[in-house]
């Protein structure tokens, strides 16, 4: 029997889902007084130009050189246009002015700076320019959580390099496409529930353990959906047809439980890493039936892979071959500046609250520019969580140095009936404390024992 449920997503931290499109220099202007980028229809823009200006613009475009792209930017500067508006940070305005100041004679420098000024769009509806959340992104996140659950149950040994991840998925889920239980899971695209806002952000790479050397790699410029934006859609799980060969069908509540456990644990781990480098973790107001989920680009390698089978490529110094570890050593963060001297204002990418039911942005009595709308999280009555989910939620709100509350969580572990549940909470505590503090913890041997028992 088929089951369909409606869900909503509320953005908690900046999210970017790529669509292989960028803001074309011939179809946007930057309003330096209002700090916004305005994307417009080129035909409409040309209609508003005088004949002499149209000829000049056409001559620039016909050159087809690297220098002509910079000429287009300079031609566009200061011009009025109407269209889809996106807020820009102060760093981008400075970056824009610096780019425009380049000499047209330095082709190499122009090419370099233009490459660094590419603005990637988040996925959007071309008819409205409004962003949406593709169902494929949500299904991929749920699948990752489900695979981690199945791995925790089966404990398959780590595969050799010659065996691909696809083979691991087959073993965990039960064979080929025809017998993959996720074939019966259908996730709609999640569309805006009211006005949603995007802005431009830099993505900067920072080391998880600070050293005197900064993480390598240039920053990126991304359009992101702003926190507070709300989207709604649905998930349908069909019953497998007779003789389908699907051994372990997926049930809606089991799917939600696996996502709750996996992403709550990942959030705790990342919160600990961020705290160590001076970044305040993002807070999520999660309804009773809701859960935390991670979507989009720069979600972190750990949130996209299977525990126990991770082999994350680690770039080393010049002339050294890359290595592989079971964890990432850097993290991408949303920033208003291309280069940062402090951690103030940096945020992780991709965290959302995922909850049942529809949630529409409240309408406003007075007309307000859409980019100033800040919807308040709305709690809906939800069923009670399992004991392990309650402990993981409690742990996510505790600071690593709050030994009193941590001790209470440890005492409550014994109330859990399953070894896997006790192991999940023990490992979450270990990740919360961090390696150095965990080694000194007086209950370390007890927690290690729970973790080992959960693997048996």
Protein backbone atom coordinates (compact mmCIF):
# COMPACT_ATOMS: atom_id res chain seq x y z
CA UNK A 1 0.00 0.00 0.00
CA UNK A 2 1.27 3.45 -0.91
CA UNK A 3 1.92 6.09 1.77
CA UNK A 4 2.27 9.81 1.06
CA UNK A 5 3.16 12.50 3.56
CA UNK A 6 3.56 16.24 3.21
CA UNK A 7 6.69 17.82 4.68
CA UNK A 8 8.22 21.27 4.93
CA UNK A 9 11.83 22.40 5.00
CA UNK A 10 13.06 25.45 6.89
CA UNK A 11 16.57 26.64 6.04
CA UNK A 12 18.84 26.86 9.09
CA UNK A 13 22.20 27.74 7.49
CA UNK A 14 23.05 29.00 3.97
CA UNK A 15 22.36 26.38 1.31
CA UNK A 16 23.55 26.18 -2.30
CA UNK A 17 22.40 23.48 -4.70
CA UNK A 18 24.27 23.81 -7.97
CA UNK A 19 22.57 23.89 -11.37
CA UNK A 20 25.59 24.51 -13.66
CA UNK A 21 24.49 28.08 -14.28
CA UNK A 22 26.17 31.35 -13.38
CA UNK A 23 25.12 34.97 -13.36
CA UNK A 24 26.10 36.04 -16.88
CA UNK A 25 27.96 39.40 -16.98
CA UNK A 26 25.65 40.45 -19.84
CA UNK A 27 22.52 39.92 -17.75
CA UNK A 28 23.19 41.57 -14.40
CA UNK A 29 24.23 44.86 -12.88
CA UNK A 30 25.36 45.60 -9.35
CA UNK A 31 23.68 48.47 -7.55
CA UNK A 32 26.53 49.73 -5.36
CA UNK A 33 24.26 52.05 -3.35
CA UNK A 34 21.72 49.36 -2.38
CA UNK A 35 24.21 46.44 -2.20
CA UNK A 36 22.22 44.23 -4.55
CA UNK A 37 22.79 42.31 -7.76
CA UNK A 38 19.97 42.75 -10.30
CA UNK A 39 19.53 39.94 -12.84
CA UNK A 40 17.54 41.14 -15.84
CA UNK A 41 16.30 40.02 -19.25
CA UNK A 42 18.89 41.09 -21.84
CA UNK A 43 16.29 41.87 -24.52
CA UNK A 44 14.40 44.18 -22.16
CA UNK A 45 17.68 45.83 -21.16
CA UNK A 46 18.65 46.48 -24.79
CA UNK A 47 15.25 48.00 -25.53
CA UNK A 48 15.93 50.60 -22.86
CA UNK A 49 19.22 51.72 -24.41
CA UNK A 50 19.61 54.56 -26.84
CA UNK A 51 20.63 53.65 -30.38
CA UNK A 52 24.20 54.85 -29.89
CA UNK A 53 24.58 52.82 -26.66
CA UNK A 54 23.18 49.69 -28.34
CA UNK A 55 25.75 49.96 -31.09
CA UNK A 56 28.55 50.44 -28.58
CA UNK A 57 27.36 47.44 -26.55
CA UNK A 58 27.06 45.32 -29.70
CA UNK A 59 30.59 46.24 -30.77
CA UNK A 60 31.97 45.18 -27.38
CA UNK A 61 30.12 41.83 -27.46
CA UNK A 62 31.26 41.09 -31.03
CA UNK A 63 34.94 41.17 -30.01
CA UNK A 64 34.69 37.81 -28.20
CA UNK A 65 37.91 38.35 -26.22
CA UNK A 66 38.75 38.06 -22.54
CA UNK A 67 39.21 41.82 -22.40
CA UNK A 68 35.75 42.38 -23.87
CA UNK A 69 34.14 40.65 -20.87
CA UNK A 70 35.75 43.26 -18.61
CA UNK A 71 34.54 45.95 -21.03
CA UNK A 72 30.99 44.60 -20.64
CA UNK A 73 31.27 44.88 -16.84
CA UNK A 74 32.47 48.47 -17.21
CA UNK A 75 29.66 49.26 -19.67
CA UNK A 76 27.08 47.89 -17.24
CA UNK A 77 28.39 49.73 -14.19
CA UNK A 78 25.96 52.29 -12.80
CA UNK A 79 23.16 51.50 -15.24
CA UNK A 80 19.57 51.16 -14.05
CA UNK A 81 17.79 47.87 -14.53
CA UNK A 82 14.82 45.99 -13.13
CA UNK A 83 14.67 42.28 -12.48
CA UNK A 84 15.39 39.63 -9.85
CA UNK A 85 17.27 41.14 -6.90
CA UNK A 86 19.87 39.36 -4.79
CA UNK A 87 21.63 40.84 -1.78
CA UNK A 88 25.42 41.01 -1.96
CA UNK A 89 27.96 41.19 0.89
CA UNK A 90 30.36 44.09 1.35
CA UNK A 91 33.23 41.87 0.22
CA UNK A 92 31.66 41.28 -3.17
CA UNK A 93 31.16 44.99 -3.78
CA UNK A 94 34.84 45.56 -3.03
CA UNK A 95 35.74 42.61 -5.27
CA UNK A 96 33.58 44.10 -8.07
CA UNK A 97 35.20 47.54 -7.84
CA UNK A 98 38.68 45.96 -7.81
CA UNK A 99 37.87 43.90 -10.91
CA UNK A 100 36.59 46.98 -12.76
CA UNK A 101 39.84 48.83 -12.01
CA UNK A 102 41.93 46.35 -14.02
CA UNK A 103 43.77 47.58 -17.08
CA UNK A 104 42.44 46.26 -20.40
CA UNK A 105 46.03 45.62 -21.44
CA UNK A 106 46.75 42.91 -18.84
CA UNK A 107 45.01 39.87 -20.40
CA UNK A 108 46.47 37.34 -17.97
CA UNK A 109 45.38 39.31 -14.90
CA UNK A 110 41.92 39.88 -16.38
CA UNK A 111 41.46 36.15 -17.02
CA UNK A 112 42.54 35.31 -13.47
CA UNK A 113 40.27 37.88 -11.83
CA UNK A 114 37.26 37.04 -14.00
CA UNK A 115 37.65 33.35 -13.09
CA UNK A 116 37.57 34.37 -9.43
CA UNK A 117 34.49 36.54 -10.02
CA UNK A 118 32.24 33.75 -11.35
CA UNK A 119 28.95 33.73 -9.40
CA UNK A 120 27.31 30.28 -9.35
CA UNK A 121 23.52 30.21 -9.14
CA UNK A 122 21.57 27.95 -6.85
CA UNK A 123 18.92 25.83 -8.60
CA UNK A 124 15.93 27.98 -9.60
CA UNK A 125 12.67 28.05 -11.50
CA UNK A 126 13.46 29.86 -14.77
CA UNK A 127 9.93 31.24 -14.98
CA UNK A 128 10.01 32.95 -11.58
CA UNK A 129 13.74 33.07 -10.72
CA UNK A 130 12.74 31.65 -7.32
CA UNK A 131 14.93 28.90 -5.84
CA UNK A 132 13.56 25.46 -4.96
CA UNK A 133 14.88 22.26 -3.39
CA UNK A 134 15.11 19.37 -5.90
CA UNK A 135 13.56 16.12 -4.73
CA UNK A 136 16.73 14.34 -5.84
CA UNK A 137 18.78 16.29 -3.26
CA UNK A 138 16.42 15.31 -0.44
CA UNK A 139 16.25 11.68 -1.56
CA UNK A 140 20.05 11.55 -1.73
CA UNK A 141 20.34 12.82 1.86
CA UNK A 142 17.78 10.28 3.10
CA UNK A 143 19.53 7.50 1.20
CA UNK A 144 22.87 8.35 2.82
CA UNK A 145 21.28 8.13 6.27
CA UNK A 146 19.58 4.84 5.41
CA UNK A 147 22.84 3.33 4.12
CA UNK A 148 24.59 4.33 7.34
CA UNK A 149 21.81 2.61 9.28
CA UNK A 150 22.15 -0.59 7.23
CA UNK A 151 25.93 -0.48 7.64
CA UNK A 152 25.50 -0.18 11.42
CA UNK A 153 23.30 -3.27 11.33
CA UNK A 154 25.39 -5.42 8.96
CA UNK A 155 28.90 -4.18 9.81
CA UNK A 156 30.35 -4.97 6.38
CA UNK A 157 34.17 -4.85 6.32
CA UNK A 158 35.81 -1.98 4.52
CA UNK A 159 36.08 -2.70 0.82
CA UNK A 160 39.36 -2.66 -1.10
CA UNK A 161 40.07 0.21 -3.47
CA UNK A 162 39.25 -2.03 -6.42
CA UNK A 163 35.64 -2.42 -5.29
CA UNK A 164 33.44 0.55 -5.92
CA UNK A 165 30.94 2.28 -3.64
CA UNK A 166 28.13 1.06 -5.88
CA UNK A 167 28.98 -2.54 -4.94
CA UNK A 168 28.77 -1.61 -1.26
CA UNK A 169 25.30 -0.11 -1.78
CA UNK A 170 24.17 -3.29 -3.51
CA UNK A 171 25.28 -5.39 -0.58
CA UNK A 172 23.62 -3.10 1.96
CA UNK A 173 20.35 -2.66 0.07
CA UNK A 174 19.96 -6.03 -1.57
CA UNK A 175 21.16 -6.22 -5.14
CA UNK A 176 20.56 -4.42 -8.42
CA UNK A 177 18.27 -1.50 -9.28
CA UNK A 178 15.22 -3.76 -9.52
CA UNK A 179 15.66 -4.91 -5.92
CA UNK A 180 16.82 -1.58 -4.48
CA UNK A 181 14.13 -0.55 -1.94
CA UNK A 182 14.74 3.13 -2.71
CA UNK A 183 13.16 2.50 -6.09
CA UNK A 184 9.85 2.72 -4.24
CA UNK A 185 10.67 6.09 -2.61
CA UNK A 186 9.51 9.15 -4.57
CA UNK A 187 10.35 12.65 -3.38
CA UNK A 188 8.77 15.70 -5.00
CA UNK A 189 10.62 18.94 -5.59
CA UNK A 190 10.10 21.23 -2.58
CA UNK A 191 8.74 24.57 -3.73
CA UNK A 192 8.77 27.94 -1.90
CA UNK A 193 6.06 28.38 0.73
CA UNK A 194 5.71 32.13 0.29
CA UNK A 195 8.53 34.53 -0.61
CA UNK A 196 12.02 33.11 -0.13
CA UNK A 197 15.28 35.02 -0.29
CA UNK A 198 18.69 34.37 -1.77
CA UNK A 199 21.93 36.25 -1.32
CA UNK A 200 25.49 36.04 -2.60
CA UNK A 201 28.10 34.50 -0.30
CA UNK A 202 31.72 33.48 -0.44
CA UNK A 203 32.62 29.88 0.36
CA UNK A 204 35.96 29.83 2.20
CA UNK A 205 37.96 26.79 3.26
CA UNK A 206 39.20 26.62 6.86
CA UNK A 207 41.23 24.02 8.72
CA UNK A 208 39.45 22.09 11.47
CA UNK A 209 42.61 22.38 13.57
CA UNK A 210 44.13 25.83 13.37
CA UNK A 211 47.80 26.16 12.45
CA UNK A 212 49.94 29.05 11.30
CA UNK A 213 49.19 28.00 7.71
CA UNK A 214 45.81 28.70 6.14
CA UNK A 215 43.86 26.08 4.19
CA UNK A 216 44.69 26.12 0.49
CA UNK A 217 42.36 26.79 -2.39
CA UNK A 218 40.65 29.95 -3.66
CA UNK A 219 37.29 31.05 -2.33
CA UNK A 220 34.14 30.52 -4.40
CA UNK A 221 31.19 32.86 -4.97
CA UNK A 222 27.81 31.18 -4.57
CA UNK A 223 24.21 32.23 -4.51
CA UNK A 224 22.69 30.76 -1.34
CA UNK A 225 19.19 30.44 0.06
CA UNK A 226 18.91 32.46 3.23
CA UNK A 227 18.12 30.96 6.65
CA UNK A 228 14.43 31.20 7.52
CA UNK A 229 13.20 30.41 4.00
CA UNK A 230 10.53 27.69 3.87
CA UNK A 231 9.75 25.07 1.21
CA UNK A 232 7.09 22.37 1.06
CA UNK A 233 6.71 19.08 -0.81
CA UNK A 234 5.89 15.43 -0.30
CA UNK A 235 7.35 11.95 -0.01
CA UNK A 236 5.59 8.85 -1.29
CA UNK A 237 6.68 5.30 -0.48
CA UNK A 238 5.03 2.64 -2.61
CA UNK A 239 4.63 -0.97 -1.56
CA UNK A 240 6.91 -3.23 -3.65
CA UNK A 241 5.05 -5.14 -6.37
CA UNK A 242 4.72 -8.89 -6.05
CA UNK A 243 7.86 -10.82 -7.01
CA UNK A 244 9.89 -7.59 -7.10
CA UNK A 245 12.72 -9.22 -5.17
CA UNK A 246 12.85 -6.32 -2.68
CA UNK A 247 13.66 -8.10 0.58
CA UNK A 248 13.55 -5.19 3.05
CA UNK A 249 10.99 -2.54 2.01
CA UNK A 250 11.41 0.94 3.42
CA UNK A 251 8.81 2.31 5.80
CA UNK A 252 8.27 6.04 6.24
CA UNK A 253 8.88 6.16 9.99
CA UNK A 254 11.98 3.95 9.76
CA UNK A 255 13.34 6.25 7.07
CA UNK A 256 12.77 9.32 9.24
CA UNK A 257 14.32 7.58 12.26
CA UNK A 258 17.50 6.74 10.32
CA UNK A 259 17.80 10.35 9.14
CA UNK A 260 17.24 11.63 12.69
CA UNK A 261 19.99 9.46 14.10
CA UNK A 262 22.56 10.02 11.36
CA UNK A 263 22.27 13.79 10.95
CA UNK A 264 21.85 14.50 14.67
CA UNK A 265 25.13 12.69 15.23
CA UNK A 266 26.78 14.56 12.34
CA UNK A 267 25.54 17.90 13.71
CA UNK A 268 27.02 17.11 17.13
CA UNK A 269 30.35 16.14 15.55
CA UNK A 270 30.54 19.27 13.43
CA UNK A 271 29.40 21.56 16.25
CA UNK A 272 32.35 20.29 18.29
CA UNK A 273 34.77 20.95 15.42
CA UNK A 274 33.42 24.45 14.88
CA UNK A 275 33.60 25.31 18.58
CA UNK A 276 37.30 24.36 18.63
CA UNK A 277 38.12 26.98 15.99
CA UNK A 278 35.96 29.70 17.51
CA UNK A 279 32.80 29.43 15.41
CA UNK A 280 29.39 29.34 17.06
CA UNK A 281 27.35 26.37 15.75
CA UNK A 282 24.05 27.22 14.07
CA UNK A 283 20.97 26.60 16.20
CA UNK A 284 17.95 24.71 14.90
CA UNK A 285 14.46 24.93 16.40
CA UNK A 286 13.29 21.37 15.69
CA UNK A 287 9.59 20.45 16.13
CA UNK A 288 8.77 17.25 18.03
CA UNK A 289 8.34 15.16 14.87
CA UNK A 290 10.98 17.06 12.95
CA UNK A 291 14.64 16.34 12.36
CA UNK A 292 17.82 18.01 11.18
CA UNK A 293 18.96 17.25 7.63
CA UNK A 294 21.84 18.34 5.43
CA UNK A 295 21.53 19.32 1.78
CA UNK A 296 23.51 20.93 -1.01
CA UNK A 297 27.09 21.84 -1.79
CA UNK A 298 29.79 21.92 0.89
CA UNK A 299 27.76 19.70 3.23
CA UNK A 300 30.99 18.08 4.45
CA UNK A 301 32.45 14.76 3.32
CA UNK A 302 31.34 12.98 6.49
CA UNK A 303 27.67 13.86 5.85
CA UNK A 304 27.86 12.37 2.36
CA UNK A 305 29.61 9.07 3.08
CA UNK A 306 29.34 5.85 5.07
CA UNK A 307 30.96 5.55 8.44
CA UNK A 308 33.51 2.74 8.40
CA UNK A 309 34.04 3.06 4.64
CA UNK A 310 35.23 6.64 4.32
CA UNK A 311 38.28 7.38 2.20
CA UNK A 312 38.45 11.16 1.91
CA UNK A 313 41.11 12.66 -0.35
CA UNK A 314 43.43 14.98 1.57
CA UNK A 315 45.56 17.40 -0.43
CA UNK A 316 49.10 17.94 0.86
CA UNK A 317 51.96 20.31 0.16
CA UNK A 318 53.39 21.11 -3.25
CA UNK A 319 55.09 18.05 -4.74
CA UNK A 320 53.47 15.66 -2.27
CA UNK A 321 50.95 13.03 -3.30
CA UNK A 322 47.43 13.37 -1.84
CA UNK A 323 46.52 11.06 1.04
CA UNK A 324 43.30 9.47 2.23
CA UNK A 325 41.69 9.64 5.68
CA UNK A 326 38.37 8.64 7.24
CA UNK A 327 37.63 12.30 7.99
CA UNK A 328 38.05 15.71 6.37
CA UNK A 329 40.70 18.06 7.71
CA UNK A 330 39.06 21.25 6.42
CA UNK A 331 35.54 22.64 6.27
CA UNK A 332 33.89 25.03 3.80
CA UNK A 333 32.10 27.96 5.41
CA UNK A 334 29.84 30.78 4.26
CA UNK A 335 31.50 34.19 4.54
CA UNK A 336 30.90 37.82 3.56
CA UNK A 337 34.58 38.13 2.59
CA UNK A 338 36.81 36.24 0.17
CA UNK A 339 39.61 36.14 2.73
CA UNK A 340 39.05 36.12 6.47
CA UNK A 341 41.33 37.05 9.35
CA UNK A 342 38.85 35.92 12.01
CA UNK A 343 36.07 33.38 12.38
CA UNK A 344 33.42 36.00 13.15
CA UNK A 345 30.29 35.60 11.04
CA UNK A 346 31.30 32.33 9.38
CA UNK A 347 28.60 29.64 9.04
CA UNK A 348 28.53 26.04 7.85
CA UNK A 349 26.54 25.21 4.74
CA UNK A 350 23.46 23.08 4.24
CA UNK A 351 21.63 22.54 7.55
CA UNK A 352 17.82 22.45 7.32
CA UNK A 353 14.92 21.45 9.56
CA UNK A 354 12.75 18.77 7.95
CA UNK A 355 9.31 18.28 9.48
CA UNK A 356 5.84 16.88 8.64
CA UNK A 357 3.01 19.10 7.44
CA UNK A 358 2.91 22.37 5.58
CA UNK A 359 4.27 25.61 6.97
CA UNK A 360 3.54 28.84 5.14
CA UNK A 361 5.39 32.06 5.78
CA UNK A 362 3.13 34.45 7.70
CA UNK A 363 1.71 37.29 5.60
CA UNK A 364 2.57 40.83 6.64
CA UNK A 365 0.02 43.58 7.23
CA UNK A 366 2.30 46.24 5.74
CA UNK A 367 4.14 45.72 2.43
CA UNK A 368 7.77 45.00 3.22
CA UNK A 369 10.61 44.39 0.74
CA UNK A 370 10.77 40.63 0.33
CA UNK A 371 14.39 40.42 1.45
CA UNK A 372 13.52 41.70 4.89
CA UNK A 373 11.07 38.90 5.67
CA UNK A 374 12.29 36.85 8.60
CA UNK A 375 9.76 34.08 9.29
CA UNK A 376 9.57 32.80 12.82
CA UNK A 377 9.91 29.02 13.26
CA UNK A 378 6.51 27.50 13.91
CA UNK A 379 6.11 24.44 16.11
CA UNK A 380 3.44 21.93 15.27
CA UNK A 381 2.19 19.26 17.67
CA UNK A 382 4.34 16.20 17.07
CA UNK A 383 4.52 12.63 18.40
CA UNK A 384 7.03 11.81 21.09
CA UNK A 385 10.57 10.90 20.06
CA UNK A 386 12.31 7.65 20.97
CA UNK A 387 14.59 7.62 24.02
CA UNK A 388 17.76 7.54 21.90
CA UNK A 389 16.54 10.52 19.85
CA UNK A 390 15.82 12.45 23.03
CA UNK A 391 19.33 11.78 24.34
CA UNK A 392 20.95 12.81 21.04
CA UNK A 393 18.87 16.00 20.98
CA UNK A 394 19.81 16.78 24.58
CA UNK A 395 23.47 16.15 23.77
CA UNK A 396 23.32 18.55 20.80
CA UNK A 397 22.37 21.38 23.20
CA UNK A 398 25.14 20.69 25.72
CA UNK A 399 28.49 22.46 25.66
CA UNK A 400 31.52 20.11 25.64
CA UNK A 401 32.71 21.46 29.02
CA UNK A 402 29.32 21.04 30.77
CA UNK A 403 30.33 17.91 32.69
CA UNK A 404 27.19 17.92 34.83
CA UNK A 405 24.75 17.61 31.95
CA UNK A 406 27.06 15.22 30.10
CA UNK A 407 27.10 13.03 33.19
CA UNK A 408 23.30 12.95 33.24
CA UNK A 409 23.25 11.82 29.59
CA UNK A 410 25.77 9.07 30.38
CA UNK A 411 23.63 7.85 33.29
CA UNK A 412 20.57 7.70 31.02
CA UNK A 413 22.35 5.52 28.45
CA UNK A 414 21.49 2.46 30.58
CA UNK A 415 17.79 3.13 30.00
CA UNK A 416 18.25 2.27 26.31
CA UNK A 417 17.41 -1.30 25.41
CA UNK A 418 19.48 -1.84 22.25
CA UNK A 419 23.28 -2.08 22.06
CA UNK A 420 23.25 -0.06 18.82
CA UNK A 421 21.39 2.78 20.51
CA UNK A 422 23.76 2.83 23.49
CA UNK A 423 26.73 2.78 21.10
CA UNK A 424 25.30 5.68 19.05
CA UNK A 425 24.98 7.90 22.13
CA UNK A 426 28.42 6.85 23.44
CA UNK A 427 30.04 7.72 20.10
CA UNK A 428 28.17 11.04 19.97
CA UNK A 429 29.59 11.89 23.43
CA UNK A 430 33.07 10.94 22.23
CA UNK A 431 32.72 13.23 19.18
CA UNK A 432 31.28 16.00 21.36
CA UNK A 433 34.26 16.00 23.73
CA UNK A 434 36.95 15.72 21.07
CA UNK A 435 39.94 13.40 21.19
CA UNK A 436 42.00 15.28 23.79
CA UNK A 437 39.20 15.77 26.34
CA UNK A 438 37.82 12.28 25.72
CA UNK A 439 41.15 10.64 26.62
CA UNK A 440 40.97 12.35 30.03
CA UNK A 441 37.31 11.58 30.69
CA UNK A 442 36.74 9.34 33.73
CA UNK A 443 34.02 7.32 31.95
CA UNK A 444 36.07 6.74 28.79
CA UNK A 445 36.50 3.00 29.30
CA UNK A 446 32.78 2.57 29.92
CA UNK A 447 31.90 4.52 26.75
CA UNK A 448 34.51 2.62 24.72
CA UNK A 449 32.95 -0.61 25.89
CA UNK A 450 29.51 0.49 24.67
CA UNK A 451 30.92 1.50 21.29
CA UNK A 452 32.69 -1.83 20.85
CA UNK A 453 29.65 -3.80 21.93
CA UNK A 454 27.52 -1.95 19.40
CA UNK A 455 29.84 -3.17 16.63
CA UNK A 456 29.59 -6.83 17.59
